[in-house]
Amino acid sequence: MKTLRQLSFALGFMGMAWLCAASEAAEVRAPVPAGPDLERAQATIRDLYKADFAKTKAADRIALAAKLFQEALETKNDPAAKFALLREARDLAAKSGDAAGVLRATDEMTAHFVLKPGEAIAPALDPLVGSTNVAATSMQIAHVLLVAADEARFAGEWNVSLTILKAAGAAAAKATGAATSERVRAKVKDTEAGRAEFEKAKDALEAVKTKPTDPAVCLAAGRYLAFFQQEWNEGIELLAKGADEKLQVAAQRDLKAVSGNDEDRIAAADGWYDFAASADASVKPAMQIRAHYWYVAAFPSQAGINKTRVEKRIAELQPIVDAKADKTALWTAVRRGVGDARLKKWQIVGGAFSEKTFEEMPPGGGLLVGFHYTTTQTGRFPHVVQPIYLTPFGEVLGGGYGTIGKGDSAKMTAKAKPGYAVGAIQVRGGGGFDAFKPIFMRITEAGLNPKDSYDGPHIGGMGGSEGTVGGDGNFIVGLHGKINEKTGKIEAMSAISLTLGDPVKPPPKKKKKP
C-alpha cells in the first residue's frame, strides 16, 4: 500500500484533511481477529439475526448485508465484532450479486484491519461470479472486479490481481458485448508485464535499503516504483540517482518541480512528454501520466499561446490517464465517503409549490459529470433532466425526471470534458424550477479544483431567484430536490457532495455584461 508521504505527493495541490484523517486511522489498523473472540462474535451475529439469515431471496440478503455493514460502522471498540460484521456483509453481498456491496465491505476491512485489498476480496470471488447468469448484473460484477484488480495490483498483490481478473473475465463472458472482455484481456496483459517487472526488480527493492546510492540498484528499484506502481515520490528520487543518464535528467527536473514554480512544472512535463515519445510500450503510459500531472498543475497560471499548448497536451494525454492511471485512492475515498454517509445536502432552490422530494446517488459512488435535458416554452424552462455520473467502470445515468412533451426541445447534453466534473450548479427557482447552469471543475484525487473551471450552458430563463450549490472543491456525488407528484417533472434541484476535504471559497459569480 502507498504510504502517506507517497499519497501526499500523488495528490498534489488540493487540501488533504480527509487523507490525513484516513491515514491516521490506517496507522493504527488492528490485526485481523482470529480464534475464540472471532468465533464468539460470529455466533452472536448469527443468533441476533437468525431469522434474517434464514431468508434466501437476493433482496433479503442485500438488505441484511446493508444492515450488518451499518452495524460495523457503528461498532467502535470491539475489533472481533467489527470484522465479523464486515465479513458477513461481504459474503451476503457476494451471494446476492451485489458487487458494489462487496467492495464497500472490503474497503472498510482494509481501512481498519491489517489486510490487503486482494486478501479481503478473494473469498468473495467465486460466490459473486456464480451468483447470477443475468447479463446486466454480470457486467456490473465484471466492472467492479476490474476496480478490485487495480487495487490489488497497486498494493503489490500481483498474483491476487490476476486471480481477480480471471473472475472478472468469467463474469464478462456472461455479459453481452465484447468490450468488457477486451478490457479484461488488456488489464491481464498490463498486470502480467508488471509482475514480470517486479520479479526483475525485487532484489533491487531489497538492496536499496542498504545501498541507497548504488546507481544500478536505484535504476531498477526506481523504474519499478515509478513506472509500474506509480509511487512517484520514492521512485523518482531513486531514478534521479540511477544509472540511466537520460532518466536522471527527467527525474531531476521532476524533483525540482515539486518545490519550484510553474516554469519548473512545465519543464518537468515537457521532459516526460518528450521521453515518452521514444520509450518502450511497458513504461510509456506512466511517463505520459506523469507529464499530464505536471501540465495540469501548471495550467491555471498559463496564458496566451502557452495556455493553448498546455491545454492541447492535457487533452491529448487525458485518455491515457483515464485508462492507465492509478486512481485507487480517488475511488476508494468516494466509495468510503458515500458508504460512511460523509455527505452534505446543499440547500434547495425553488420548488415552493411542490412537496414530493427525491434523492439519488449511484450505488458504490460516482461523480456528477453532466446532464441530458430538454427545455420547454421555447427554452424558458428546463423540462426533462437526467444526471450523468462517472464511476470507476464508466458513465452511468441517473433517474430521468419528467416526460418529453409535445412542445419540448430535442434532447441535449451538457457534459464535462474529460478530466472535469460538475463542481457547482447555479440554480434559479421560485415556485418551480426556472433554470440551472453546471460549472465544471478539474478532477484531482483530493477533490475538484475551483481554480481550473469553466461554465456549462445556462439552461432555462431568468425567472425566480438564484442560488449556487456546491463549489467548495468537494465532489458532487448525487442530487436531491423536488418533483411534481403527477408528472414526475423536476421542480427543484440541489447537490449532494462529499465532505472529505476542507471547503474552499466558491468561485465568485461572473458579472453580467450590461
Protein backbone atom coordinates (compact mmCIF):
# COMPACT_ATOMS: atom_id res chain seq x y z
CA MET A 1 0.00 0.00 0.00
CA LYS A 2 1.13 3.56 -0.61
CA THR A 3 2.47 5.45 2.37
CA LEU A 4 1.02 8.83 3.40
CA ARG A 5 4.16 10.50 2.04
CA GLN A 6 3.69 8.87 -1.37
CA LEU A 7 -0.02 9.66 -1.49
CA SER A 8 0.61 13.26 -0.43
CA PHE A 9 2.90 13.69 -3.40
CA ALA A 10 0.49 12.00 -5.77
CA LEU A 11 -2.50 14.08 -4.71
CA GLY A 12 -0.72 17.33 -5.30
CA PHE A 13 -2.15 20.75 -4.81
CA MET A 14 -5.56 20.38 -3.12
CA GLY A 15 -6.43 20.22 0.59
CA MET A 16 -5.68 16.89 2.22
CA ALA A 17 -7.51 16.86 5.54
CA TRP A 18 -9.55 13.80 4.55
CA LEU A 19 -6.45 11.86 3.52
CA CYS A 20 -4.57 12.68 6.69
CA ALA A 21 -7.53 11.53 8.78
CA ALA A 22 -7.79 8.30 6.79
CA SER A 23 -4.06 7.69 7.06
CA GLU A 24 -4.05 8.29 10.82
CA ALA A 25 -6.69 5.59 11.06
CA ALA A 26 -4.60 3.35 8.83
CA GLU A 27 -1.59 3.76 11.13
CA VAL A 28 -3.48 2.05 13.95
CA ARG A 29 -5.14 -0.71 11.94
CA ALA A 30 -5.82 -3.73 14.08
CA PRO A 31 -4.61 -7.26 13.34
CA VAL A 32 -7.22 -9.45 11.68
CA PRO A 33 -9.11 -11.10 14.57
CA ALA A 34 -8.93 -14.86 14.91
CA GLY A 35 -9.64 -17.62 17.41
CA PRO A 36 -12.29 -17.63 20.14
CA ASP A 37 -13.04 -13.89 20.01
CA LEU A 38 -13.94 -14.03 16.33
CA GLU A 39 -15.91 -17.25 16.76
CA ARG A 40 -17.93 -15.69 19.61
CA ALA A 41 -18.60 -12.56 17.57
CA GLN A 42 -19.77 -14.61 14.59
CA ALA A 43 -22.03 -16.76 16.78
CA THR A 44 -23.57 -13.65 18.35
CA ILE A 45 -24.32 -12.12 14.95
CA ARG A 46 -25.84 -15.35 13.67
CA ASP A 47 -28.02 -15.61 16.78
CA LEU A 48 -29.17 -11.96 16.72
CA TYR A 49 -30.10 -12.11 13.04
CA LYS A 50 -31.16 -15.75 12.88
CA ALA A 51 -34.44 -15.01 11.13
CA ASP A 52 -32.77 -12.74 8.58
CA PHE A 53 -30.07 -15.29 7.75
CA ALA A 54 -32.80 -17.87 7.08
CA LYS A 55 -34.11 -15.80 4.16
CA THR A 56 -32.67 -16.80 0.79
CA LYS A 57 -34.03 -14.20 -1.64
CA ALA A 58 -31.37 -11.90 -3.08
CA ALA A 59 -33.23 -8.76 -1.98
CA ASP A 60 -33.41 -10.04 1.62
CA ARG A 61 -29.70 -10.89 1.64
CA ILE A 62 -28.78 -7.48 0.27
CA ALA A 63 -30.92 -5.81 2.94
CA LEU A 64 -29.23 -7.86 5.67
CA ALA A 65 -25.78 -7.08 4.23
CA ALA A 66 -26.60 -3.36 4.40
CA LYS A 67 -27.83 -3.73 7.97
CA LEU A 68 -24.69 -5.56 9.09
CA PHE A 69 -22.47 -3.06 7.27
CA GLN A 70 -24.11 -0.21 9.16
CA GLU A 71 -23.69 -2.10 12.44
CA ALA A 72 -20.00 -2.46 11.61
CA LEU A 73 -19.63 1.29 11.03
CA GLU A 74 -21.15 1.94 14.45
CA THR A 75 -19.02 -0.69 16.26
CA LYS A 76 -16.00 1.19 17.63
CA ASN A 77 -14.30 -0.76 20.42
CA ASP A 78 -14.81 -4.41 19.52
CA PRO A 79 -12.47 -5.42 16.64
CA ALA A 80 -13.72 -9.01 16.51
CA ALA A 81 -17.35 -7.93 16.19
CA LYS A 82 -16.48 -5.26 13.60
CA PHE A 83 -14.53 -7.71 11.45
CA ALA A 84 -17.19 -10.42 11.73
CA LEU A 85 -19.93 -7.96 10.72
CA LEU A 86 -17.96 -6.78 7.70
CA ARG A 87 -17.12 -10.34 6.66
CA GLU A 88 -20.77 -11.37 6.87
CA ALA A 89 -21.81 -8.25 4.91
CA ARG A 90 -19.23 -9.06 2.23
CA ASP A 91 -20.30 -12.69 1.92
CA LEU A 92 -24.02 -11.91 1.82
CA ALA A 93 -23.47 -9.27 -0.84
CA ALA A 94 -21.41 -11.74 -2.88
CA LYS A 95 -24.09 -14.44 -2.76
CA SER A 96 -26.63 -11.85 -3.92
CA GLY A 97 -24.64 -10.49 -6.86
CA ASP A 98 -24.20 -7.10 -5.16
CA ALA A 99 -20.68 -6.29 -6.36
CA ALA A 100 -20.77 -2.71 -5.06
CA GLY A 101 -21.74 -4.03 -1.63
CA VAL A 102 -18.78 -6.42 -1.67
CA LEU A 103 -16.36 -3.61 -2.48
CA ARG A 104 -17.89 -1.37 0.16
CA ALA A 105 -17.39 -4.03 2.85
CA THR A 106 -13.81 -4.82 1.79
CA ASP A 107 -12.95 -1.10 1.80
CA GLU A 108 -13.88 -0.97 5.46
CA MET A 109 -12.00 -4.18 6.21
CA THR A 110 -8.76 -2.84 4.74
CA ALA A 111 -9.26 0.56 6.38
CA HIS A 112 -9.48 -0.88 9.91
CA PHE A 113 -7.50 -4.12 9.78
CA VAL A 114 -4.05 -5.20 8.62
CA LEU A 115 -5.36 -6.69 5.41
CA LYS A 116 -4.54 -6.03 1.77
CA PRO A 117 -7.38 -5.35 -0.69
CA GLY A 118 -6.82 -8.56 -2.64
CA GLU A 119 -6.83 -10.64 0.53
CA ALA A 120 -10.09 -9.01 1.58
CA ILE A 121 -12.00 -9.68 -1.64
CA ALA A 122 -10.55 -13.05 -2.67
CA PRO A 123 -13.01 -15.20 -0.62
CA ALA A 124 -15.93 -13.44 -2.31
CA LEU A 125 -14.86 -14.02 -5.93
CA ASP A 126 -16.41 -17.44 -6.65
CA PRO A 127 -19.77 -16.78 -4.94
CA LEU A 128 -20.01 -13.35 -6.56
CA VAL A 129 -19.38 -14.57 -10.10
CA GLY A 130 -21.57 -17.64 -9.55
CA SER A 131 -24.47 -15.64 -8.08
CA THR A 132 -26.10 -14.80 -11.40
CA ASN A 133 -26.35 -15.52 -15.10
CA VAL A 134 -28.17 -12.24 -15.81
CA ALA A 135 -26.12 -10.32 -18.39
CA ALA A 136 -26.57 -6.85 -16.86
CA THR A 137 -25.66 -8.00 -13.35
CA SER A 138 -22.68 -9.96 -14.66
CA MET A 139 -21.48 -6.82 -16.44
CA GLN A 140 -21.63 -4.86 -13.17
CA ILE A 141 -19.71 -7.62 -11.41
CA ALA A 142 -17.01 -7.62 -14.10
CA HIS A 143 -16.65 -3.83 -13.86
CA VAL A 144 -16.32 -3.89 -10.08
CA LEU A 145 -13.76 -6.69 -10.25
CA LEU A 146 -11.67 -4.65 -12.69
CA VAL A 147 -11.53 -1.96 -10.00
CA ALA A 148 -10.66 -4.54 -7.34
CA ALA A 149 -7.88 -5.95 -9.54
CA ASP A 150 -6.33 -2.50 -9.84
CA GLU A 151 -6.45 -2.04 -6.08
CA ALA A 152 -4.70 -5.36 -5.55
CA ARG A 153 -2.14 -4.61 -8.26
CA PHE A 154 -1.20 -1.22 -6.80
CA ALA A 155 -0.91 -2.85 -3.37
CA GLY A 156 1.74 -5.14 -4.86
CA GLU A 157 -0.54 -8.21 -4.93
CA TRP A 158 0.30 -9.19 -8.49
CA ASN A 159 -0.83 -12.82 -8.34
CA VAL A 160 -4.04 -11.97 -6.50
CA SER A 161 -4.75 -9.24 -9.07
CA LEU A 162 -4.52 -11.84 -11.84
CA THR A 163 -6.86 -14.13 -9.88
CA ILE A 164 -9.38 -11.30 -9.62
CA LEU A 165 -9.04 -10.62 -13.35
CA LYS A 166 -9.75 -14.29 -14.07
CA ALA A 167 -13.01 -13.90 -12.12
CA ALA A 168 -13.73 -10.64 -13.98
CA GLY A 169 -13.26 -12.49 -17.26
CA ALA A 170 -15.71 -15.20 -16.18
CA ALA A 171 -18.30 -12.55 -15.29
CA ALA A 172 -17.70 -10.66 -18.54
CA ALA A 173 -18.26 -13.86 -20.53
CA LYS A 174 -21.82 -13.98 -19.16
CA ALA A 175 -22.50 -10.40 -20.21
CA THR A 176 -23.47 -9.15 -23.65
CA GLY A 177 -20.94 -7.33 -25.77
CA ALA A 178 -17.23 -7.87 -26.14
CA ALA A 179 -15.92 -4.52 -24.85
CA THR A 180 -15.66 -5.58 -21.20
CA SER A 181 -13.97 -8.85 -22.09
CA GLU A 182 -11.45 -6.90 -24.14
CA ARG A 183 -10.83 -4.57 -21.18
CA VAL A 184 -10.16 -7.60 -19.00
CA ARG A 185 -7.70 -9.05 -21.53
CA ALA A 186 -5.86 -5.70 -21.79
CA LYS A 187 -5.69 -5.46 -18.00
CA VAL A 188 -4.32 -9.02 -17.77
CA LYS A 189 -1.58 -8.10 -20.25
CA ASP A 190 -0.62 -4.99 -18.24
CA THR A 191 -0.66 -6.91 -14.98
CA GLU A 192 1.48 -9.73 -16.31
CA ALA A 193 4.01 -7.14 -17.53
CA GLY A 194 4.02 -5.54 -14.10
CA ARG A 195 4.52 -8.86 -12.37
CA ALA A 196 7.45 -9.63 -14.67
CA GLU A 197 8.97 -6.24 -13.84
CA PHE A 198 8.54 -6.91 -10.13
CA GLU A 199 10.40 -10.22 -10.48
CA LYS A 200 13.29 -8.33 -12.11
CA ALA A 201 13.24 -5.55 -9.51
CA LYS A 202 12.57 -7.40 -6.25
CA ASP A 203 16.25 -7.90 -5.41
CA ALA A 204 16.91 -4.20 -6.04
CA LEU A 205 13.92 -3.22 -3.90
CA GLU A 206 15.54 -5.08 -1.02
CA ALA A 207 19.10 -3.94 -1.82
CA VAL A 208 18.19 -0.25 -1.94
CA LYS A 209 17.64 -0.34 1.82
CA THR A 210 21.38 -0.89 2.34
CA LYS A 211 22.69 0.61 -0.92
CA PRO A 212 20.60 3.78 -1.33
CA THR A 213 23.08 5.42 -3.74
CA ASP A 214 24.08 2.46 -5.91
CA PRO A 215 23.20 3.60 -9.50
CA ALA A 216 22.20 0.16 -10.81
CA VAL A 217 20.10 -0.63 -7.74
CA CYS A 218 18.45 2.81 -7.82
CA LEU A 219 17.59 2.43 -11.51
CA ALA A 220 15.97 -1.00 -11.14
CA ALA A 221 14.02 -0.11 -7.99
CA GLY A 222 13.07 3.37 -9.21
CA ARG A 223 11.88 2.13 -12.59
CA TYR A 224 9.55 -0.38 -10.93
CA LEU A 225 8.20 2.01 -8.30
CA ALA A 226 7.66 4.97 -10.63
CA PHE A 227 6.53 3.36 -13.86
CA PHE A 228 4.75 0.22 -12.71
CA GLN A 229 3.42 1.18 -9.28
CA GLN A 230 3.15 4.94 -9.86
CA GLU A 231 4.76 5.55 -6.48
CA TRP A 232 6.24 8.70 -7.89
CA ASN A 233 7.85 10.26 -4.85
CA GLU A 234 10.11 7.37 -3.92
CA GLY A 235 10.54 6.12 -7.47
CA ILE A 236 11.67 9.45 -8.93
CA GLU A 237 14.09 10.08 -6.07
CA LEU A 238 15.75 6.77 -6.97
CA LEU A 239 15.73 7.43 -10.73
CA ALA A 240 17.49 10.75 -10.08
CA LYS A 241 20.41 8.69 -8.69
CA GLY A 242 20.10 5.84 -11.18
CA ALA A 243 22.42 4.56 -13.87
CA ASP A 244 20.39 5.88 -16.85
CA GLU A 245 21.58 9.44 -17.54
CA LYS A 246 18.51 10.48 -19.57
CA LEU A 247 16.20 9.23 -16.85
CA GLN A 248 18.36 11.04 -14.30
CA VAL A 249 17.77 14.36 -16.08
CA ALA A 250 14.00 13.81 -16.36
CA ALA A 251 13.77 12.75 -12.71
CA GLN A 252 15.84 15.71 -11.51
CA ARG A 253 13.53 18.09 -13.38
CA ASP A 254 10.61 16.38 -11.69
CA LEU A 255 12.13 16.80 -8.23
CA LYS A 256 12.77 20.49 -8.94
CA ALA A 257 9.11 20.93 -9.96
CA VAL A 258 7.89 19.71 -6.56
CA SER A 259 9.06 22.85 -4.76
CA GLY A 260 9.56 25.05 -7.83
CA ASN A 261 7.37 27.38 -9.86
CA ASP A 262 5.14 26.76 -12.86
CA GLU A 263 8.06 27.11 -15.26
CA ASP A 264 9.70 24.20 -13.45
CA ARG A 265 6.47 22.21 -13.69
CA ILE A 266 6.18 22.84 -17.43
CA ALA A 267 9.83 21.79 -17.82
CA ALA A 268 9.14 18.56 -15.92
CA ALA A 269 6.03 17.90 -18.01
CA ASP A 270 7.84 18.55 -21.29
CA GLY A 271 10.68 16.29 -20.17
CA TRP A 272 8.40 13.31 -19.54
CA TYR A 273 6.33 14.04 -22.66
CA ASP A 274 9.44 14.04 -24.88
CA PHE A 275 10.94 11.00 -23.14
CA ALA A 276 7.71 9.03 -23.66
CA ALA A 277 7.88 9.57 -27.43
CA SER A 278 10.73 7.06 -27.75
CA ALA A 279 10.08 4.92 -24.65
CA ASP A 280 9.15 1.25 -24.85
CA ALA A 281 5.49 0.35 -24.54
CA SER A 282 5.78 -1.00 -20.99
CA VAL A 283 6.77 2.38 -19.47
CA LYS A 284 5.41 4.89 -22.00
CA PRO A 285 1.93 5.27 -20.41
CA ALA A 286 3.42 6.01 -16.98
CA MET A 287 5.63 8.76 -18.42
CA GLN A 288 2.61 10.25 -20.20
CA ILE A 289 0.61 10.15 -16.96
CA ARG A 290 3.40 12.00 -15.19
CA ALA A 291 3.59 14.60 -17.95
CA HIS A 292 -0.17 15.10 -17.68
CA TYR A 293 0.13 15.56 -13.91
CA TRP A 294 2.60 18.43 -14.25
CA TYR A 295 0.75 20.05 -17.17
CA VAL A 296 -2.44 20.10 -15.09
CA ALA A 297 -0.57 21.53 -12.09
CA ALA A 298 0.83 24.38 -14.18
CA PHE A 299 -2.22 25.05 -16.35
CA PRO A 300 -4.11 27.62 -14.20
CA SER A 301 -1.29 30.18 -14.47
CA GLN A 302 -0.77 29.83 -18.23
CA ALA A 303 -1.90 32.46 -20.75
CA GLY A 304 -1.93 33.03 -24.49
CA ILE A 305 -0.12 30.56 -26.72
CA ASN A 306 1.38 28.75 -23.72
CA LYS A 307 -2.09 28.08 -22.34
CA THR A 308 -3.24 26.74 -25.71
CA ARG A 309 -0.22 24.43 -25.97
CA VAL A 310 -0.63 23.07 -22.45
CA GLU A 311 -4.38 22.60 -22.89
CA LYS A 312 -3.81 20.58 -26.07
CA ARG A 313 -1.24 18.41 -24.34
CA ILE A 314 -3.64 17.76 -21.44
CA ALA A 315 -6.41 16.78 -23.87
CA GLU A 316 -4.05 14.52 -25.81
CA LEU A 317 -2.89 12.70 -22.66
CA GLN A 318 -6.26 12.51 -20.89
CA PRO A 319 -7.33 9.18 -22.48
CA ILE A 320 -4.09 7.55 -21.27
CA VAL A 321 -4.70 8.90 -17.77
CA ASP A 322 -8.30 7.64 -17.82
CA ALA A 323 -7.22 4.17 -18.91
CA LYS A 324 -3.92 3.65 -17.11
CA ALA A 325 -3.51 5.96 -14.11
CA ASP A 326 -3.70 4.69 -10.54
CA LYS A 327 -6.96 6.17 -9.30
CA THR A 328 -7.49 3.75 -6.44
CA ALA A 329 -7.17 6.48 -3.79
CA LEU A 330 -9.79 8.60 -5.56
CA TRP A 331 -12.43 5.90 -5.95
CA THR A 332 -11.80 4.40 -2.52
CA ALA A 333 -12.33 7.84 -1.00
CA VAL A 334 -15.57 8.30 -2.95
CA ARG A 335 -16.89 4.85 -2.02
CA ARG A 336 -15.98 5.24 1.64
CA GLY A 337 -17.40 8.76 1.77
CA VAL A 338 -20.72 7.57 0.37
CA GLY A 339 -20.71 4.38 2.45
CA ASP A 340 -19.96 6.29 5.67
CA ALA A 341 -22.56 8.97 4.80
CA ARG A 342 -19.97 11.77 4.87
CA LEU A 343 -22.31 13.87 2.78
CA LYS A 344 -23.66 17.39 2.59
CA LYS A 345 -27.09 18.16 1.14
CA TRP A 346 -27.00 21.70 -0.24
CA GLN A 347 -30.00 23.97 0.06
CA ILE A 348 -32.88 23.53 -2.36
CA VAL A 349 -33.56 26.50 -4.65
CA GLY A 350 -37.15 26.73 -5.90
CA GLY A 351 -39.93 24.17 -5.68
CA ALA A 352 -42.16 26.18 -3.34
CA PHE A 353 -45.29 24.67 -4.93
CA SER A 354 -44.14 21.04 -4.63
CA GLU A 355 -43.79 18.74 -1.66
CA LYS A 356 -42.63 15.41 -3.08
CA THR A 357 -38.86 15.05 -2.71
CA PHE A 358 -36.29 12.88 -4.45
CA GLU A 359 -32.73 11.85 -3.69
CA GLU A 360 -30.33 9.80 -5.79
CA MET A 361 -26.73 8.63 -5.84
CA PRO A 362 -25.23 5.85 -7.98
CA PRO A 363 -24.58 2.65 -5.99
CA GLY A 364 -20.93 2.45 -4.97
CA GLY A 365 -20.34 6.13 -5.65
CA GLY A 366 -19.81 8.26 -8.72
CA LEU A 367 -19.00 11.84 -9.71
CA LEU A 368 -21.63 14.03 -11.35
CA VAL A 369 -20.26 14.99 -14.78
CA GLY A 370 -23.28 16.35 -16.63
CA PHE A 371 -26.92 16.16 -17.67
CA HIS A 372 -29.18 15.11 -20.51
CA TYR A 373 -32.06 17.59 -20.68
CA THR A 374 -34.88 19.15 -22.68
CA THR A 375 -36.40 22.62 -22.37
CA THR A 376 -39.97 23.79 -22.85
CA GLN A 377 -41.74 27.02 -23.83
CA THR A 378 -39.00 27.89 -26.36
CA GLY A 379 -36.24 27.47 -23.82
CA ARG A 380 -37.77 29.33 -20.89
CA PHE A 381 -37.76 26.35 -18.54
CA PRO A 382 -35.83 23.09 -18.11
CA HIS A 383 -38.25 20.21 -18.54
CA VAL A 384 -36.76 16.68 -18.56
CA VAL A 385 -33.48 16.34 -16.64
CA GLN A 386 -31.30 13.22 -16.31
CA PRO A 387 -27.93 13.33 -14.49
CA ILE A 388 -24.80 11.61 -15.83
CA TYR A 389 -22.27 10.15 -13.37
CA LEU A 390 -18.69 8.98 -13.86
CA THR A 391 -17.84 5.79 -11.97
CA PRO A 392 -14.61 3.75 -11.97
CA PHE A 393 -16.20 1.49 -14.58
CA GLY A 394 -17.56 4.16 -16.91
CA GLU A 395 -20.51 6.51 -17.16
CA VAL A 396 -23.92 5.64 -15.71
CA LEU A 397 -27.21 7.51 -15.96
CA GLY A 398 -29.25 8.67 -13.00
CA GLY A 399 -33.03 8.93 -12.90
CA GLY A 400 -34.89 10.66 -15.72
CA TYR A 401 -37.15 13.32 -14.21
CA GLY A 402 -40.19 14.19 -16.33
CA THR A 403 -41.52 13.01 -19.68
CA ILE A 404 -40.76 14.67 -23.01
CA GLY A 405 -43.79 16.68 -24.11
CA LYS A 406 -45.06 17.92 -27.46
CA GLY A 407 -43.50 21.37 -27.06
CA ASP A 408 -40.14 20.17 -25.76
CA SER A 409 -36.84 20.86 -27.44
CA ALA A 410 -34.78 17.97 -28.73
CA LYS A 411 -32.78 16.16 -26.07
CA MET A 412 -29.48 17.96 -25.42
CA THR A 413 -26.43 17.17 -23.31
CA ALA A 414 -24.27 19.35 -21.08
CA LYS A 415 -21.30 17.20 -20.04
CA ALA A 416 -17.84 17.95 -18.69
CA LYS A 417 -14.90 17.41 -20.97
CA PRO A 418 -12.56 14.56 -19.93
CA GLY A 419 -10.78 15.23 -16.64
CA TYR A 420 -13.55 17.51 -15.30
CA ALA A 421 -16.76 17.04 -13.33
CA VAL A 422 -19.64 19.19 -12.13
CA GLY A 423 -18.26 21.16 -9.19
CA ALA A 424 -21.13 23.61 -8.68
CA ILE A 425 -24.60 24.26 -10.07
CA GLN A 426 -26.17 27.69 -10.39
CA VAL A 427 -29.92 27.19 -9.93
CA ARG A 428 -32.83 29.61 -10.42
CA GLY A 429 -36.24 28.91 -8.97
CA GLY A 430 -39.21 30.17 -7.03
CA GLY A 431 -42.49 28.33 -7.18
CA GLY A 432 -40.89 25.89 -9.60
CA PHE A 433 -37.65 25.22 -11.47
CA ASP A 434 -36.62 28.10 -13.74
CA ALA A 435 -33.02 27.39 -14.80
CA PHE A 436 -29.73 25.75 -13.97
CA LYS A 437 -26.14 26.01 -15.14
CA PRO A 438 -23.42 23.44 -14.35
CA ILE A 439 -19.91 24.70 -13.55
CA PHE A 440 -17.23 22.18 -14.43
CA MET A 441 -14.02 21.80 -12.39
CA ARG A 442 -10.84 19.80 -12.84
CA ILE A 443 -10.81 16.40 -11.09
CA THR A 444 -7.87 15.72 -8.79
CA GLU A 445 -7.50 12.82 -6.38
CA ALA A 446 -8.11 15.17 -3.46
CA GLY A 447 -11.20 16.87 -4.84
CA LEU A 448 -12.18 19.37 -7.51
CA ASN A 449 -10.04 22.39 -8.35
CA PRO A 450 -12.18 25.57 -8.46
CA LYS A 451 -9.23 27.48 -9.93
CA ASP A 452 -9.40 25.30 -13.04
CA SER A 453 -13.04 25.57 -14.07
CA TYR A 454 -15.37 26.64 -16.85
CA ASP A 455 -19.08 27.31 -17.23
CA GLY A 456 -21.56 24.98 -18.89
CA PRO A 457 -24.65 26.28 -20.70
CA HIS A 458 -27.38 28.28 -18.97
CA ILE A 459 -30.44 26.04 -19.29
CA GLY A 460 -33.74 27.88 -18.93
CA GLY A 461 -34.69 31.52 -18.38
CA MET A 462 -34.09 34.22 -15.80
CA GLY A 463 -37.12 33.77 -13.56
CA GLY A 464 -37.04 33.11 -9.83
CA SER A 465 -34.14 33.77 -7.50
CA GLU A 466 -30.61 32.41 -7.95
CA GLY A 467 -28.50 30.23 -5.70
CA THR A 468 -25.27 28.28 -6.16
CA VAL A 469 -24.97 24.78 -4.75
CA GLY A 470 -21.59 23.07 -4.41
CA GLY A 471 -18.42 24.91 -5.36
CA ASP A 472 -16.32 24.15 -2.27
CA GLY A 473 -13.95 21.73 -4.03
CA ASN A 474 -15.64 18.56 -2.79
CA PHE A 475 -17.01 16.00 -5.23
CA ILE A 476 -20.73 16.15 -6.11
CA VAL A 477 -21.94 12.55 -5.89
CA GLY A 478 -25.71 12.90 -6.11
CA LEU A 479 -28.76 15.13 -6.40
CA HIS A 480 -31.80 15.88 -4.32
CA GLY A 481 -34.76 18.18 -4.77
CA LYS A 482 -38.47 18.18 -5.51
CA ILE A 483 -40.61 16.69 -8.26
CA ASN A 484 -44.20 17.09 -9.41
CA GLU A 485 -46.20 14.26 -7.89
CA LYS A 486 -48.35 13.76 -11.02
CA THR A 487 -45.82 14.16 -13.83
CA GLY A 488 -42.50 13.35 -12.17
CA LYS A 489 -41.14 16.60 -13.63
CA ILE A 490 -38.31 18.16 -11.66
CA GLU A 491 -39.39 21.26 -9.72
CA ALA A 492 -36.24 21.97 -7.72
CA MET A 493 -32.71 20.60 -7.78
CA SER A 494 -29.72 20.69 -5.48
CA ALA A 495 -26.44 18.85 -4.97
CA ILE A 496 -25.24 16.16 -2.58
CA SER A 497 -21.49 16.42 -2.10
CA LEU A 498 -18.88 14.57 -0.09
CA THR A 499 -17.36 16.24 2.95
CA LEU A 500 -13.87 14.81 2.57
CA GLY A 501 -11.79 17.97 2.45
CA ASP A 502 -11.66 21.47 3.89
CA PRO A 503 -14.11 23.64 1.94
CA VAL A 504 -12.61 26.34 -0.21
CA LYS A 505 -14.25 29.60 -1.12
CA PRO A 506 -16.58 29.05 -4.11
CA PRO A 507 -15.62 30.92 -7.28
CA PRO A 508 -17.18 34.41 -7.48
CA LYS A 509 -20.12 34.91 -9.79
CA LYS A 510 -19.22 36.50 -13.08
CA LYS A 511 -20.79 39.90 -13.50
CA LYS A 512 -23.25 40.13 -16.34
CA LYS A 513 -22.37 42.49 -19.12
CA PRO A 514 -24.80 45.41 -19.38
